Protein backbone atom coordinates (compact mmCIF):
# COMPACT_ATOMS: atom_id res chain seq x y z
CA MET A 1 95.37 91.17 72.30
CA ARG A 2 97.48 94.30 72.29
CA SER A 3 97.74 97.33 74.51
CA ARG A 4 97.15 100.89 73.48
CA LEU A 5 99.60 103.78 73.40
CA VAL A 6 100.43 105.80 76.49
CA SER A 7 102.04 109.25 76.49
CA HIS A 8 104.58 110.68 78.90
CA PRO A 9 104.86 114.21 80.33
CA ALA A 10 106.24 117.01 78.12
CA ARG A 11 106.13 114.98 74.91
CA PRO A 12 104.26 111.90 73.68
CA LEU A 13 106.04 108.62 74.30
CA ALA A 14 104.59 105.29 73.21
CA LEU A 15 104.51 102.73 75.98
CA ALA A 16 103.14 99.94 73.83
CA LEU A 17 102.44 97.22 76.37
CA ALA A 18 102.13 94.81 73.51
CA ALA A 19 102.93 91.62 75.37
CA VAL A 20 101.52 91.05 78.82
CA THR A 21 102.19 88.02 81.01
CA LEU A 22 99.82 87.58 83.89
CA ALA A 23 101.36 84.95 86.16
CA GLY A 24 100.55 83.83 89.67
CA CYS A 25 96.93 83.53 90.64
CA GLY A 26 95.01 84.36 93.78
CA SER A 27 93.43 80.94 93.95
CA SER A 28 95.50 77.93 95.01
CA SER A 29 92.86 75.41 93.94
CA SER A 30 94.08 72.64 91.64
CA ALA A 31 90.55 71.64 90.63
CA PRO A 32 89.76 72.04 86.91
CA ASN A 33 87.62 75.12 86.27
CA GLY A 34 86.03 73.93 83.03
CA LEU A 35 87.86 76.28 80.66
CA ALA A 36 89.39 73.38 78.75
CA SER A 37 86.02 72.75 77.10
CA LYS A 38 85.12 76.41 76.47
CA THR A 39 85.33 78.41 73.26
CA PRO A 40 88.12 81.01 72.80
CA ALA A 41 85.63 83.84 73.38
CA GLU A 42 84.38 82.22 76.58
CA ILE A 43 87.93 81.71 77.84
CA LEU A 44 88.81 85.35 77.17
CA ALA A 45 85.63 86.57 78.88
CA ALA A 46 86.37 84.47 81.96
CA ALA A 47 89.93 85.80 82.16
CA ARG A 48 88.78 89.42 81.85
CA ALA A 49 86.15 88.97 84.54
CA ALA A 50 88.59 87.31 86.94
CA GLY A 51 91.29 89.95 86.44
CA ALA A 52 88.87 92.87 86.69
CA GLY A 53 87.43 91.45 89.90
CA ALA A 54 90.77 91.31 91.71
CA ALA A 55 91.54 93.70 94.59
CA THR A 56 95.26 94.04 93.83
CA VAL A 57 97.92 92.71 91.47
CA HIS A 58 101.66 93.06 90.89
CA VAL A 59 102.78 93.84 87.33
CA ALA A 60 106.40 93.52 86.18
CA GLY A 61 108.32 92.92 82.98
CA SER A 62 109.71 94.52 79.85
CA ILE A 63 108.98 95.10 76.17
CA LEU A 64 110.48 96.91 73.20
CA SER A 65 108.66 99.98 71.85
CA ALA A 66 109.90 102.20 69.00
CA ASP A 67 113.27 100.46 69.38
CA GLU A 68 113.47 101.55 73.02
CA PRO A 69 113.31 99.18 75.99
CA ILE A 70 110.37 99.77 78.32
CA SER A 71 110.16 98.08 81.70
CA LEU A 72 107.76 98.35 84.60
CA ASP A 73 107.29 97.01 88.12
CA MET A 74 103.97 98.12 89.60
CA GLU A 75 101.61 97.23 92.46
CA LEU A 76 98.01 98.09 91.50
CA VAL A 77 95.05 98.55 93.86
CA ALA A 78 91.52 98.46 92.45
CA ASP A 79 89.76 101.86 92.57
CA LYS A 80 92.65 103.45 94.50
CA GLY A 81 95.78 103.64 92.33
CA GLY A 82 99.20 102.07 92.41
CA VAL A 83 102.90 102.38 93.14
CA GLY A 84 106.07 101.21 91.42
CA ARG A 85 108.78 101.93 88.88
CA LEU A 86 109.11 102.45 85.13
CA ALA A 87 112.18 102.60 82.91
CA LEU A 88 111.91 104.25 79.51
CA GLY A 89 114.83 103.92 77.14
CA GLY A 90 117.12 103.31 80.10
CA LEU A 91 115.80 106.32 82.07
CA GLY A 92 114.04 105.32 85.27
CA LEU A 93 111.30 106.86 87.37
CA ARG A 94 109.18 106.00 90.37
CA LEU A 95 105.42 106.35 90.03
CA VAL A 96 102.64 106.68 92.61
CA ASN A 97 98.93 107.30 92.10
CA VAL A 98 97.07 107.95 95.34
CA ASP A 99 94.21 110.26 96.39
CA ARG A 100 93.54 111.17 92.74
CA THR A 101 97.03 112.60 92.27
CA VAL A 102 99.92 111.16 90.23
CA TYR A 103 103.48 111.53 91.53
CA ILE A 104 106.66 110.77 89.60
CA LYS A 105 110.30 110.89 90.70
CA GLY A 106 112.94 110.53 88.01
CA SER A 107 116.67 110.76 87.61
CA ALA A 108 118.23 114.04 86.51
CA ALA A 109 118.60 112.60 83.01
CA PHE A 110 114.93 111.65 82.96
CA TYR A 111 113.80 115.13 84.00
CA ARG A 112 116.05 116.80 81.44
CA ARG A 113 114.61 114.65 78.68
CA PHE A 114 110.95 114.87 79.55
CA VAL A 115 110.47 118.31 81.13
CA GLY A 116 113.47 120.16 79.71
CA ALA A 117 116.73 121.41 81.18
CA ALA A 118 115.30 124.56 82.76
CA ALA A 119 112.48 122.82 84.62
CA ALA A 120 114.73 119.91 85.56
CA LYS A 121 116.86 122.25 87.68
CA LEU A 122 113.95 122.53 90.11
CA LEU A 123 113.54 118.79 90.55
CA PRO A 124 116.72 117.00 91.71
CA GLY A 125 115.66 114.50 94.36
CA LYS A 126 112.05 115.73 94.30
CA TRP A 127 108.70 114.28 93.30
CA LEU A 128 106.66 115.92 90.55
CA LYS A 129 102.86 115.78 90.91
CA ALA A 130 99.76 116.43 88.80
CA PRO A 131 96.06 115.47 88.89
CA ALA A 132 95.37 111.89 87.89
CA ALA A 133 92.26 112.78 85.87
CA ARG A 134 93.67 115.60 83.71
CA GLY A 135 96.91 117.13 82.56
CA PRO A 136 100.20 115.67 81.31
CA LEU A 137 100.37 112.69 83.70
CA VAL A 138 96.98 111.20 82.80
CA SER A 139 98.53 108.50 80.63
CA LEU A 140 100.83 107.45 83.43
CA ALA A 141 97.84 107.32 85.77
CA ALA A 142 96.32 104.76 83.39
CA LEU A 143 99.24 102.43 84.14
CA THR A 144 98.23 102.43 87.82
CA ASN A 145 94.55 101.64 87.17
CA LEU A 146 93.96 97.91 87.65
CA SER A 147 90.76 97.68 85.61
CA ASN A 148 92.28 99.79 82.82
CA VAL A 149 95.34 97.55 82.64
CA ILE A 150 93.16 94.44 82.39
CA ASP A 151 90.94 96.02 79.73
CA THR A 152 93.97 97.25 77.77
CA ALA A 153 95.73 93.91 77.90
CA LEU A 154 92.73 91.73 77.07
CA GLY A 155 90.29 94.05 75.32
CA ALA A 156 91.80 94.68 71.88
CA HIS A 157 92.04 91.57 69.71
CA GLY A 158 91.25 90.14 66.32
CA ALA A 159 89.85 86.75 65.37
CA LEU A 160 90.46 84.16 68.08
CA SER A 161 91.36 80.48 67.91
CA ARG A 162 92.43 77.83 70.40
CA ALA A 163 96.14 77.44 71.03
CA PRO A 164 97.77 74.30 72.45
CA SER A 165 97.40 73.88 76.19
CA ARG A 166 100.60 73.81 78.22
CA ARG A 167 102.06 74.27 81.69
CA ILE A 168 103.42 77.61 82.88
CA ASP A 169 105.23 77.75 86.22
CA GLY A 170 103.92 74.28 86.93
CA ARG A 171 100.29 75.21 86.31
CA GLU A 172 97.97 73.89 83.63
CA VAL A 173 96.76 76.62 81.28
CA VAL A 174 94.56 76.89 78.20
CA GLY A 175 95.58 79.04 75.25
CA VAL A 176 93.72 81.52 73.04
CA ALA A 177 95.53 82.88 69.98
CA ASP A 178 94.82 86.27 68.42
CA ARG A 179 95.33 85.47 64.74
CA ALA A 180 95.43 89.11 63.67
CA GLY A 181 97.46 90.57 66.53
CA GLY A 182 99.86 87.68 66.94
CA GLY A 183 99.55 87.33 70.70
CA THR A 184 98.57 84.22 72.64
CA LEU A 185 96.66 84.44 75.90
CA TYR A 186 97.13 81.67 78.44
CA VAL A 187 94.55 81.32 81.22
CA ALA A 188 94.64 79.15 84.33
CA ALA A 189 92.81 75.88 83.70
CA THR A 190 92.45 75.25 87.44
CA GLY A 191 91.10 77.42 90.24
CA THR A 192 90.13 81.01 89.47
CA PRO A 193 90.58 81.62 85.72
CA TYR A 194 93.08 84.49 86.02
CA PRO A 195 95.10 85.30 82.93
CA VAL A 196 98.47 83.58 83.15
CA ALA A 197 100.24 84.95 80.08
CA ILE A 198 99.91 86.89 76.88
CA VAL A 199 102.93 86.03 74.80
CA GLU A 200 103.82 87.95 71.68
CA THR A 201 106.80 86.97 69.57
CA GLY A 202 108.77 88.89 66.96
CA ALA A 203 110.73 92.12 66.97
CA ARG A 204 108.19 93.91 69.17
CA GLY A 205 107.66 90.99 71.50
CA GLY A 206 108.15 91.02 75.25
CA THR A 207 106.55 89.92 78.46
CA VAL A 208 105.10 91.62 81.51
CA ALA A 209 104.29 89.45 84.56
CA PHE A 210 101.20 89.86 86.73
CA ASP A 211 101.23 88.04 90.05
CA ARG A 212 100.44 88.42 93.75
CA TRP A 213 96.73 88.75 93.04
CA ASN A 214 94.79 90.09 96.07
CA LYS A 215 97.85 90.60 98.26
CA ALA A 216 97.96 93.68 100.53
CA VAL A 217 99.49 96.83 98.98
CA SER A 218 100.32 100.06 100.83
CA LEU A 219 99.91 103.43 99.05
CA ALA A 220 101.46 106.56 100.58
CA VAL A 221 101.60 110.19 99.46
CA PRO A 222 105.21 111.27 98.70
CA ALA A 223 106.39 114.27 100.74
CA ASN A 224 107.40 117.66 99.34
CA ALA A 225 106.20 117.05 95.78
CA VAL A 226 106.42 119.90 93.24
CA GLY A 227 103.26 120.65 91.29
CA ILE A 228 103.74 120.35 87.55
CA ASP A 229 101.96 123.68 87.12
CA GLN A 230 104.89 125.31 88.95
CA LEU A 231 107.25 124.39 86.13
CA GLN A 232 107.97 126.32 82.98
CA VAL A 233 108.35 123.24 80.79
CA GLY A 234 110.78 123.85 77.96
CA ARG A 235 113.66 122.29 76.15
């Protein structure tokens, strides 16, 4: 259970969301949901269906990719977009996807690195925007798509086996291990079977937390954004 690669504007940058923790479920029920007796494939299918059916979710955490730290803190809204922050190799940016347009706002150092020194001079304190469905910010738009995040986190896996059950944040979970990929998915054993954690160990390990399922999220269009087609991107 691994994520795929995501590219960043002006040059490809791998955001390998290799270890995803999905914690905090929208259901407060403590009644067993029957997953304890299911096969690994059935557990995974239940977790994917529950996550994909959510209206909103909060995603936060960090990983290591290509020896660079990657962190994110995002609120995702099904079929609408998302809002939050990313940090890539210590360079931070804010990210909004709303009304089919992606907006980013980075530090001066971020803009210099990813759009070049000349273009960066146009952007201090400003938002940069581009269509969500095409162009250089498409991969960032994918990080604000709730169904895409669920599919990416839970879709790619090798042979599955049961892992020991345990408690995470006081909640009973069942475990499914990806023997090829090295990750372990933990799913709530009570209430709605939301994913609770994918834990990957080793040099590329890390965790990203998903919580606040189905809580209200506000998306707003940033003011005075600069269209990416107005920039002469160069280094």
